[in-house]
Amino acid sequence: NEAFDVYFRDIIECIKALFSDPNFADFLVFAPERHYADKDEMIRLYHEMHTGKWWWNSQVRIIYIHSVETYW
């Protein structure tokens, strides 16, 4: 019978606060990026979420779904 303090925040309010704060403007990323270790772009670097394959795949899927929906 232990008691715990649980804290929570409204995620939408948190996102609004982050996006509206100019101190974070240089750190917010809205599109995926590809970084390479060589000039031939053969060795990919993965170091942040927006440089990973998941973000690229998600972006392509969203664009595809949007284009199919607009076509119909």
Protein backbone atom coordinates (compact mmCIF):
# COMPACT_ATOMS: atom_id res chain seq x y z
CA ASN A 1 0.00 0.00 0.00
CA GLU A 2 2.36 2.64 -1.26
CA ALA A 3 1.32 6.09 -2.38
CA PHE A 4 2.90 7.65 -5.45
CA ASP A 5 2.86 11.15 -6.81
CA VAL A 6 2.02 11.13 -10.50
CA TYR A 7 2.58 14.19 -12.64
CA PHE A 8 1.34 14.71 -16.15
CA ARG A 9 1.04 17.41 -18.76
CA ASP A 10 -1.32 17.87 -21.65
CA ILE A 11 0.84 16.85 -24.63
CA ILE A 12 -0.85 19.33 -26.99
CA GLU A 13 -0.10 22.20 -24.62
CA CYS A 14 3.52 21.03 -24.34
CA ILE A 15 3.90 20.97 -28.12
CA LYS A 16 2.33 24.41 -28.42
CA ALA A 17 4.72 25.75 -25.79
CA LEU A 18 7.77 24.28 -27.52
CA PHE A 19 6.77 25.44 -31.00
CA SER A 20 5.93 28.95 -29.87
CA ASP A 21 9.14 29.49 -27.90
CA PRO A 22 11.75 31.29 -30.06
CA ASN A 23 14.54 29.81 -27.91
CA PHE A 24 13.79 26.40 -29.44
CA ALA A 25 13.43 27.57 -33.06
CA ASP A 26 16.95 26.46 -34.06
CA PHE A 27 16.39 22.98 -32.62
CA LEU A 28 13.01 22.08 -34.14
CA VAL A 29 13.12 19.87 -37.22
CA PHE A 30 10.10 19.43 -39.48
CA ALA A 31 11.53 17.36 -42.32
CA PRO A 32 13.81 14.34 -42.60
CA GLU A 33 17.46 14.82 -43.54
CA ARG A 34 20.13 12.56 -44.93
CA HIS A 35 23.69 13.03 -43.72
CA TYR A 36 26.70 11.32 -45.23
CA ALA A 37 30.26 10.72 -44.11
CA ASP A 38 31.71 10.80 -47.64
CA LYS A 39 31.42 12.87 -50.82
CA ASP A 40 30.00 9.93 -52.81
CA GLU A 41 27.09 9.69 -50.36
CA MET A 42 27.64 5.98 -49.76
CA ILE A 43 28.16 6.03 -45.98
CA ARG A 44 25.07 7.28 -44.23
CA LEU A 45 25.21 8.85 -40.77
CA TYR A 46 22.42 8.27 -38.29
CA HIS A 47 22.55 10.48 -35.24
CA GLU A 48 19.15 12.05 -34.66
CA MET A 49 15.58 10.88 -35.20
CA HIS A 50 15.16 13.02 -38.33
CA THR A 51 18.18 11.33 -39.98
CA GLY A 52 16.77 7.82 -39.61
CA LYS A 53 15.00 5.61 -42.10
CA TRP A 54 11.75 5.63 -40.13
CA TRP A 55 11.18 9.36 -40.69
CA TRP A 56 11.91 9.02 -44.41
CA ASN A 57 9.56 6.03 -44.73
CA SER A 58 6.83 7.84 -42.81
CA GLN A 59 7.21 10.95 -44.96
CA VAL A 60 6.96 8.94 -48.17
CA ARG A 61 3.91 7.06 -46.86
CA ILE A 62 2.15 10.32 -45.92
CA ILE A 63 2.85 11.85 -49.34
CA TYR A 64 1.60 8.67 -51.06
CA ILE A 65 -1.59 8.51 -49.00
CA HIS A 66 -2.26 12.20 -49.61
CA SER A 67 -1.72 11.84 -53.38
CA VAL A 68 -4.03 8.80 -53.56
CA GLU A 69 -6.73 10.59 -51.55
CA THR A 70 -6.52 13.69 -53.75
CA TYR A 71 -6.63 11.61 -56.90
CA TRP A 72 -9.92 9.98 -55.92
